[in-house]
C-alpha cells in the first residue's frame, strides 16, 4: 500500500493475516482467524491514549 486510504491487496492481506495478534481473551492467534469466516471491519488505532480525552496520554 502506498496511499494511506488505499484498500490492501489480497497479497498484503495474506501477509498481514499471517501475523500473530492477541484475541479478546489475551490468547495469541493468527490475525487472519479474526476475519476468515465472516465479513469484518478492522480499525487500526495509532496510539494507546484515550480517544475521548483531550490531554495527551
N, C-alpha and C. Protein backbone atom coordinates (compact mmCIF):
# COMPACT_ATOMS: atom_id res chain seq x y z
N UNK A 1 0.84 -1.18 0.00
CA UNK A 1 0.00 0.00 0.00
C UNK A 1 0.88 1.24 0.00
N UNK A 2 0.63 2.10 -0.93
CA UNK A 2 1.41 3.33 -1.00
C UNK A 2 0.59 4.54 -0.57
N UNK A 3 -0.70 4.48 -0.74
CA UNK A 3 -1.59 5.57 -0.34
C UNK A 3 -2.28 5.21 0.97
N UNK A 4 -2.40 6.16 1.91
CA UNK A 4 -2.99 5.85 3.21
C UNK A 4 -4.44 5.37 3.14
N UNK A 5 -5.18 5.75 2.13
CA UNK A 5 -6.59 5.36 2.02
C UNK A 5 -6.81 4.23 1.01
N UNK A 6 -5.73 3.68 0.52
CA UNK A 6 -5.81 2.61 -0.48
C UNK A 6 -6.24 1.31 0.17
N UNK A 7 -7.10 0.56 -0.50
CA UNK A 7 -7.54 -0.74 0.00
C UNK A 7 -6.39 -1.73 -0.17
N UNK A 8 -6.09 -2.53 0.87
CA UNK A 8 -4.98 -3.50 0.76
C UNK A 8 -5.25 -4.53 -0.33
N UNK A 9 -4.19 -4.99 -0.97
CA UNK A 9 -4.32 -6.03 -1.98
C UNK A 9 -4.52 -7.37 -1.29
N UNK A 10 -4.91 -8.38 -2.06
CA UNK A 10 -5.08 -9.72 -1.49
C UNK A 10 -3.76 -10.22 -0.92
N UNK A 11 -2.65 -9.95 -1.61
CA UNK A 11 -1.34 -10.37 -1.12
C UNK A 11 -0.96 -9.70 0.18
N UNK A 12 -1.25 -8.40 0.29
CA UNK A 12 -0.96 -7.67 1.53
C UNK A 12 -1.80 -8.21 2.69
N UNK A 13 -3.06 -8.53 2.41
CA UNK A 13 -3.90 -9.12 3.46
C UNK A 13 -3.39 -10.48 3.89
N UNK A 14 -2.87 -11.25 2.94
CA UNK A 14 -2.33 -12.57 3.27
C UNK A 14 -1.11 -12.44 4.19
N UNK A 15 -0.23 -11.49 3.88
CA UNK A 15 0.96 -11.26 4.72
C UNK A 15 0.53 -10.80 6.11
N UNK A 16 -0.38 -9.83 6.18
CA UNK A 16 -0.86 -9.33 7.47
C UNK A 16 -1.59 -10.43 8.24
N UNK A 17 -2.34 -11.26 7.54
CA UNK A 17 -3.09 -12.34 8.19
C UNK A 17 -2.21 -13.38 8.84
N UNK A 18 -0.98 -13.51 8.39
CA UNK A 18 -0.06 -14.50 8.96
C UNK A 18 0.55 -14.02 10.28
N UNK A 19 0.40 -12.74 10.59
CA UNK A 19 0.95 -12.20 11.83
C UNK A 19 0.10 -12.63 13.02
N UNK A 20 0.73 -12.78 14.17
CA UNK A 20 0.01 -13.14 15.38
C UNK A 20 -0.43 -11.88 16.13
N UNK A 21 -1.65 -11.93 16.66
CA UNK A 21 -2.22 -10.86 17.48
C UNK A 21 -2.86 -11.50 18.70
N UNK A 22 -3.28 -10.69 19.66
CA UNK A 22 -3.97 -11.21 20.84
C UNK A 22 -5.47 -11.08 20.65
N UNK A 23 -6.20 -12.16 20.98
CA UNK A 23 -7.66 -12.10 20.88
C UNK A 23 -8.23 -11.45 22.14
N UNK A 24 -9.54 -11.41 22.26
CA UNK A 24 -10.18 -10.72 23.39
C UNK A 24 -9.90 -11.38 24.74
N UNK A 25 -9.44 -12.64 24.73
CA UNK A 25 -9.08 -13.31 25.97
C UNK A 25 -7.57 -13.28 26.23
N UNK A 26 -6.82 -12.60 25.35
CA UNK A 26 -5.37 -12.50 25.52
C UNK A 26 -4.59 -13.66 24.94
N UNK A 27 -5.24 -14.52 24.17
CA UNK A 27 -4.56 -15.65 23.53
C UNK A 27 -3.98 -15.22 22.19
N UNK A 28 -2.80 -15.72 21.87
CA UNK A 28 -2.17 -15.41 20.60
C UNK A 28 -2.83 -16.22 19.48
N UNK A 29 -3.29 -15.52 18.45
CA UNK A 29 -3.95 -16.16 17.30
C UNK A 29 -3.47 -15.49 16.02
N UNK A 30 -3.62 -16.19 14.91
CA UNK A 30 -3.29 -15.59 13.61
C UNK A 30 -4.30 -14.47 13.33
N UNK A 31 -3.83 -13.33 12.87
CA UNK A 31 -4.70 -12.20 12.56
C UNK A 31 -5.82 -12.62 11.61
N UNK A 32 -5.49 -13.48 10.64
CA UNK A 32 -6.49 -13.91 9.65
C UNK A 32 -7.65 -14.67 10.28
N UNK A 33 -7.44 -15.28 11.45
CA UNK A 33 -8.53 -16.03 12.09
C UNK A 33 -9.64 -15.10 12.58
N UNK A 34 -9.34 -13.82 12.71
CA UNK A 34 -10.35 -12.86 13.17
C UNK A 34 -11.32 -12.46 12.07
N UNK A 35 -10.94 -12.68 10.81
CA UNK A 35 -11.82 -12.27 9.71
C UNK A 35 -12.00 -13.35 8.65
N UNK A 36 -11.55 -14.57 8.89
CA UNK A 36 -11.60 -15.62 7.88
C UNK A 36 -13.02 -16.12 7.60
N UNK A 37 -13.87 -16.20 8.61
CA UNK A 37 -15.18 -16.83 8.46
C UNK A 37 -16.34 -15.86 8.26
N UNK A 38 -16.06 -14.57 8.32
CA UNK A 38 -17.15 -13.60 8.19
C UNK A 38 -16.61 -12.26 7.72
N UNK A 39 -17.49 -11.42 7.22
CA UNK A 39 -17.09 -10.07 6.86
C UNK A 39 -16.78 -9.31 8.14
N UNK A 40 -15.68 -8.60 8.14
CA UNK A 40 -15.22 -7.93 9.35
C UNK A 40 -14.65 -6.56 9.02
N UNK A 41 -14.92 -5.60 9.87
CA UNK A 41 -14.29 -4.29 9.75
C UNK A 41 -13.15 -4.26 10.75
N UNK A 42 -11.96 -3.92 10.28
CA UNK A 42 -10.79 -3.82 11.14
C UNK A 42 -10.36 -2.36 11.18
N UNK A 43 -10.26 -1.80 12.37
CA UNK A 43 -9.82 -0.41 12.54
C UNK A 43 -8.52 -0.41 13.31
N UNK A 44 -7.52 0.28 12.79
CA UNK A 44 -6.23 0.39 13.45
C UNK A 44 -6.14 1.74 14.15
N UNK A 45 -5.83 1.71 15.44
CA UNK A 45 -5.66 2.93 16.23
C UNK A 45 -4.17 3.13 16.42
N UNK A 46 -3.68 4.31 16.11
CA UNK A 46 -2.24 4.56 16.07
C UNK A 46 -1.64 4.93 17.42
N UNK A 47 -2.40 4.96 18.48
CA UNK A 47 -1.86 5.32 19.79
C UNK A 47 -2.63 4.56 20.86
N UNK A 48 -2.14 4.61 22.09
CA UNK A 48 -2.79 3.90 23.19
C UNK A 48 -3.46 4.86 24.17
N UNK A 49 -3.49 6.15 23.85
CA UNK A 49 -4.14 7.12 24.72
C UNK A 49 -5.65 7.04 24.60
N UNK A 50 -6.31 7.73 25.46
CA UNK A 50 -7.77 7.78 25.45
C UNK A 50 -8.24 8.60 24.25
N UNK A 51 -9.09 8.03 23.43
CA UNK A 51 -9.61 8.72 22.27
C UNK A 51 -10.62 9.80 22.61
N UNK A 52 -11.11 9.80 23.84
CA UNK A 52 -12.11 10.77 24.28
C UNK A 52 -11.44 11.95 24.99
N UNK A 53 -10.35 11.68 25.70
CA UNK A 53 -9.65 12.73 26.46
C UNK A 53 -8.99 13.74 25.52
N UNK A 54 -8.88 14.97 25.99
CA UNK A 54 -8.22 16.00 25.18
C UNK A 54 -6.75 16.13 25.51
N UNK A 55 -6.34 15.62 26.67
CA UNK A 55 -4.92 15.71 27.03
C UNK A 55 -4.17 14.49 26.52
N UNK A 56 -2.89 14.64 26.15
CA UNK A 56 -2.11 13.50 25.65
C UNK A 56 -1.91 12.46 26.75
N UNK A 57 -1.68 11.19 26.36
CA UNK A 57 -1.50 10.12 27.35
C UNK A 57 -0.26 10.31 28.18
